[in-house]
Amino acid sequence: MGKPSAERRLGENEAMAYLKAIHVSPRKLNLVAQMIRGMDASNALTALAFSRRRVARDVRKVLQSAIANAENNHQLDVDRLVVAEAHVGRSFVMKRFRARARGRVGRLEKPFSNLTVVVREREEDEEDV
């Protein structure tokens, strides 16, 4: 019995990795995600390795996971992978308070983000581009 398996959302030549609750604002994370969109997977890994932003380490781990998913779960060729999509979404926001002058309070917001990376295998005719 049980319920039927869900239909695959991605194409046959795509693989995905997802990371929830990264402790960084979506705006900052999107700067790094924007940097790797459309790049070859190997070039994107290199760019993230040499990026000076702290969140680049987390993005690199997610990209490595997407590449591993493509290779192990979907039998895609690692050398022909391209970062097709890199979505950044808002997660929760922790609200904290800090004491300020004259008995007042300053509100701190500590935002979290979600990141989705989709890699796609290039077709043979696209390799010349």
C-alpha atoms as a PDB file:
ATOM      1  CA  MET A   1       0.000   0.000   0.000  1.00  0.00           C
ATOM      2  CA  GLY A   2       1.261   3.443   0.867  1.00  0.00           C
ATOM      3  CA  LYS A   3       1.102   6.406  -1.383  1.00  0.00           C
ATOM      4  CA  PRO A   4       2.620   6.416  -4.876  1.00  0.00           C
ATOM      5  CA  SER A   5       6.035   7.952  -5.343  1.00  0.00           C
ATOM      6  CA  ALA A   6       6.036  11.611  -6.315  1.00  0.00           C
ATOM      7  CA  GLU A   7       6.783  12.612  -9.863  1.00  0.00           C
ATOM      8  CA  ARG A   8      10.316  13.892 -10.450  1.00  0.00           C
ATOM      9  CA  ARG A   9      10.307  17.701 -10.570  1.00  0.00           C
ATOM     10  CA  LEU A  10      13.613  18.039 -12.420  1.00  0.00           C
ATOM     11  CA  GLY A  11      14.539  16.855 -15.888  1.00  0.00           C
ATOM     12  CA  GLU A  12      16.381  13.615 -16.536  1.00  0.00           C
ATOM     13  CA  ASN A  13      19.632  15.525 -17.025  1.00  0.00           C
ATOM     14  CA  GLU A  14      19.396  17.565 -13.780  1.00  0.00           C
ATOM     15  CA  ALA A  15      20.290  17.077 -10.124  1.00  0.00           C
ATOM     16  CA  MET A  16      19.632  19.245  -7.079  1.00  0.00           C
ATOM     17  CA  ALA A  17      20.969  19.971  -3.599  1.00  0.00           C
ATOM     18  CA  TYR A  18      19.267  22.055  -0.912  1.00  0.00           C
ATOM     19  CA  LEU A  19      20.510  23.664   2.308  1.00  0.00           C
ATOM     20  CA  LYS A  20      18.158  25.110   4.901  1.00  0.00           C
ATOM     21  CA  ALA A  21      18.798  27.683   7.623  1.00  0.00           C
ATOM     22  CA  ILE A  22      22.100  29.253   6.564  1.00  0.00           C
ATOM     23  CA  HIS A  23      22.893  32.010   9.043  1.00  0.00           C
ATOM     24  CA  VAL A  24      23.233  34.859   6.580  1.00  0.00           C
ATOM     25  CA  SER A  25      20.788  37.307   5.045  1.00  0.00           C
ATOM     26  CA  PRO A  26      19.307  36.338   1.677  1.00  0.00           C
ATOM     27  CA  ARG A  27      20.667  39.518   0.142  1.00  0.00           C
ATOM     28  CA  LYS A  28      24.263  38.606   0.984  1.00  0.00           C
ATOM     29  CA  LEU A  29      23.788  34.990  -0.054  1.00  0.00           C
ATOM     30  CA  ASN A  30      22.305  36.025  -3.382  1.00  0.00           C
ATOM     31  CA  LEU A  31      25.487  37.926  -4.258  1.00  0.00           C
ATOM     32  CA  VAL A  32      27.451  34.670  -4.094  1.00  0.00           C
ATOM     33  CA  ALA A  33      24.721  32.613  -5.792  1.00  0.00           C
ATOM     34  CA  GLN A  34      24.555  35.148  -8.611  1.00  0.00           C
ATOM     35  CA  MET A  35      28.284  34.756  -9.151  1.00  0.00           C
ATOM     36  CA  ILE A  36      28.017  31.036 -10.024  1.00  0.00           C
ATOM     37  CA  ARG A  37      24.762  30.951 -12.032  1.00  0.00           C
ATOM     38  CA  GLY A  38      25.385  29.631 -15.541  1.00  0.00           C
ATOM     39  CA  MET A  39      29.016  28.657 -14.896  1.00  0.00           C
ATOM     40  CA  ASP A  40      30.565  25.245 -15.453  1.00  0.00           C
ATOM     41  CA  ALA A  41      30.521  23.276 -12.218  1.00  0.00           C
ATOM     42  CA  SER A  42      34.318  23.023 -12.019  1.00  0.00           C
ATOM     43  CA  ASN A  43      34.774  26.756 -12.667  1.00  0.00           C
ATOM     44  CA  ALA A  44      32.119  27.573 -10.072  1.00  0.00           C
ATOM     45  CA  LEU A  45      33.897  25.429  -7.453  1.00  0.00           C
ATOM     46  CA  THR A  46      37.149  27.261  -8.185  1.00  0.00           C
ATOM     47  CA  ALA A  47      35.479  30.677  -7.988  1.00  0.00           C
ATOM     48  CA  LEU A  48      33.880  29.792  -4.642  1.00  0.00           C
ATOM     49  CA  ALA A  49      37.150  28.422  -3.260  1.00  0.00           C
ATOM     50  CA  PHE A  50      38.850  31.773  -3.871  1.00  0.00           C
ATOM     51  CA  SER A  51      35.940  33.990  -2.892  1.00  0.00           C
ATOM     52  CA  ARG A  52      36.530  36.146   0.180  1.00  0.00           C
ATOM     53  CA  ARG A  53      32.927  35.990   1.394  1.00  0.00           C
ATOM     54  CA  ARG A  54      32.222  33.788   4.418  1.00  0.00           C
ATOM     55  CA  VAL A  55      29.074  32.269   2.948  1.00  0.00           C
ATOM     56  CA  ALA A  56      31.005  31.017  -0.108  1.00  0.00           C
ATOM     57  CA  ARG A  57      32.083  27.962   1.935  1.00  0.00           C
ATOM     58  CA  ASP A  58      28.458  26.925   2.465  1.00  0.00           C
ATOM     59  CA  VAL A  59      27.572  27.532  -1.177  1.00  0.00           C
ATOM     60  CA  ARG A  60      30.579  25.446  -2.225  1.00  0.00           C
ATOM     61  CA  LYS A  61      29.419  22.549  -0.035  1.00  0.00           C
ATOM     62  CA  VAL A  62      25.936  22.670  -1.557  1.00  0.00           C
ATOM     63  CA  LEU A  63      27.389  22.732  -5.077  1.00  0.00           C
ATOM     64  CA  GLN A  64      29.630  19.761  -4.275  1.00  0.00           C
ATOM     65  CA  SER A  65      26.579  17.919  -2.964  1.00  0.00           C
ATOM     66  CA  ALA A  66      24.623  18.661  -6.153  1.00  0.00           C
ATOM     67  CA  ILE A  67      27.538  17.359  -8.246  1.00  0.00           C
ATOM     68  CA  ALA A  68      27.726  14.199  -6.133  1.00  0.00           C
ATOM     69  CA  ASN A  69      23.954  13.712  -6.477  1.00  0.00           C
ATOM     70  CA  ALA A  70      24.249  14.062 -10.246  1.00  0.00           C
ATOM     71  CA  GLU A  71      27.029  11.500 -10.415  1.00  0.00           C
ATOM     72  CA  ASN A  72      25.771   8.902  -7.936  1.00  0.00           C
ATOM     73  CA  ASN A  73      21.983   9.150  -8.138  1.00  0.00           C
ATOM     74  CA  HIS A  74      21.428  10.101 -11.779  1.00  0.00           C
ATOM     75  CA  GLN A  75      24.592   8.814 -13.538  1.00  0.00           C
ATOM     76  CA  LEU A  76      25.372  12.170 -15.184  1.00  0.00           C
ATOM     77  CA  ASP A  77      28.797  13.093 -16.570  1.00  0.00           C
ATOM     78  CA  VAL A  78      30.558  15.338 -14.043  1.00  0.00           C
ATOM     79  CA  ASP A  79      32.725  17.048 -16.669  1.00  0.00           C
ATOM     80  CA  ARG A  80      29.673  18.364 -18.563  1.00  0.00           C
ATOM     81  CA  LEU A  81      27.740  19.797 -15.578  1.00  0.00           C
ATOM     82  CA  VAL A  82      26.614  23.430 -15.539  1.00  0.00           C
ATOM     83  CA  VAL A  83      25.050  25.361 -12.641  1.00  0.00           C
ATOM     84  CA  ALA A  84      21.576  25.793 -14.122  1.00  0.00           C
ATOM     85  CA  GLU A  85      19.898  27.461 -11.136  1.00  0.00           C
ATOM     86  CA  ALA A  86      20.889  28.854  -7.766  1.00  0.00           C
ATOM     87  CA  HIS A  87      17.796  29.967  -5.802  1.00  0.00           C
ATOM     88  CA  VAL A  88      17.997  31.905  -2.571  1.00  0.00           C
ATOM     89  CA  GLY A  89      14.993  32.099  -0.284  1.00  0.00           C
ATOM     90  CA  ARG A  90      14.181  33.605   3.085  1.00  0.00           C
ATOM     91  CA  SER A  91      13.973  31.340   6.080  1.00  0.00           C
ATOM     92  CA  PHE A  92      13.116  32.438   9.597  1.00  0.00           C
ATOM     93  CA  VAL A  93      14.386  35.559  11.388  1.00  0.00           C
ATOM     94  CA  MET A  94      15.474  35.392  15.038  1.00  0.00           C
ATOM     95  CA  LYS A  95      14.529  38.544  16.914  1.00  0.00           C
ATOM     96  CA  ARG A  96      16.789  39.579  19.760  1.00  0.00           C
ATOM     97  CA  PHE A  97      17.101  42.674  21.943  1.00  0.00           C
ATOM     98  CA  ARG A  98      20.118  44.650  23.118  1.00  0.00           C
ATOM     99  CA  ALA A  99      20.158  47.192  25.923  1.00  0.00           C
ATOM    100  CA  ARG A 100      20.632  50.760  24.779  1.00  0.00           C
ATOM    101  CA  ALA A 101      21.080  54.101  26.550  1.00  0.00           C
ATOM    102  CA  ARG A 102      18.540  55.551  29.003  1.00  0.00           C
ATOM    103  CA  GLY A 103      16.742  52.270  29.646  1.00  0.00           C
ATOM    104  CA  ARG A 104      15.716  51.730  26.064  1.00  0.00           C
ATOM    105  CA  VAL A 105      16.028  48.630  23.885  1.00  0.00           C
ATOM    106  CA  GLY A 106      17.434  48.099  20.417  1.00  0.00           C
ATOM    107  CA  ARG A 107      15.944  45.315  18.326  1.00  0.00           C
ATOM    108  CA  LEU A 108      18.318  42.968  16.467  1.00  0.00           C
ATOM    109  CA  GLU A 109      17.186  40.769  13.616  1.00  0.00           C
ATOM    110  CA  LYS A 110      19.280  37.726  12.774  1.00  0.00           C
ATOM    111  CA  PRO A 111      18.118  36.455   9.368  1.00  0.00           C
ATOM    112  CA  PHE A 112      18.514  32.945   7.956  1.00  0.00           C
ATOM    113  CA  SER A 113      18.310  31.790   4.332  1.00  0.00           C
ATOM    114  CA  ASN A 114      17.686  28.705   2.210  1.00  0.00           C
ATOM    115  CA  LEU A 115      19.747  27.776  -0.853  1.00  0.00           C
ATOM    116  CA  THR A 116      18.851  25.481  -3.753  1.00  0.00           C
ATOM    117  CA  VAL A 117      21.426  24.580  -6.407  1.00  0.00           C
ATOM    118  CA  VAL A 118      20.434  22.734  -9.596  1.00  0.00           C
ATOM    119  CA  VAL A 119      23.095  21.369 -11.941  1.00  0.00           C
ATOM    120  CA  ARG A 120      22.311  20.309 -15.497  1.00  0.00           C
ATOM    121  CA  GLU A 121      24.279  18.165 -17.915  1.00  0.00           C
ATOM    122  CA  ARG A 122      25.142  19.966 -21.163  1.00  0.00           C
ATOM    123  CA  GLU A 123      24.124  18.429 -24.454  1.00  0.00           C
ATOM    124  CA  GLU A 124      26.832  17.342 -26.911  1.00  0.00           C
ATOM    125  CA  ASP A 125      26.070  20.181 -29.368  1.00  0.00           C
ATOM    126  CA  GLU A 126      26.408  22.848 -26.622  1.00  0.00           C
ATOM    127  CA  GLU A 127      30.048  22.025 -25.898  1.00  0.00           C
ATOM    128  CA  ASP A 128      31.338  24.319 -28.678  1.00  0.00           C
ATOM    129  CA  VAL A 129      29.802  27.379 -26.988  1.00  0.00           C
END
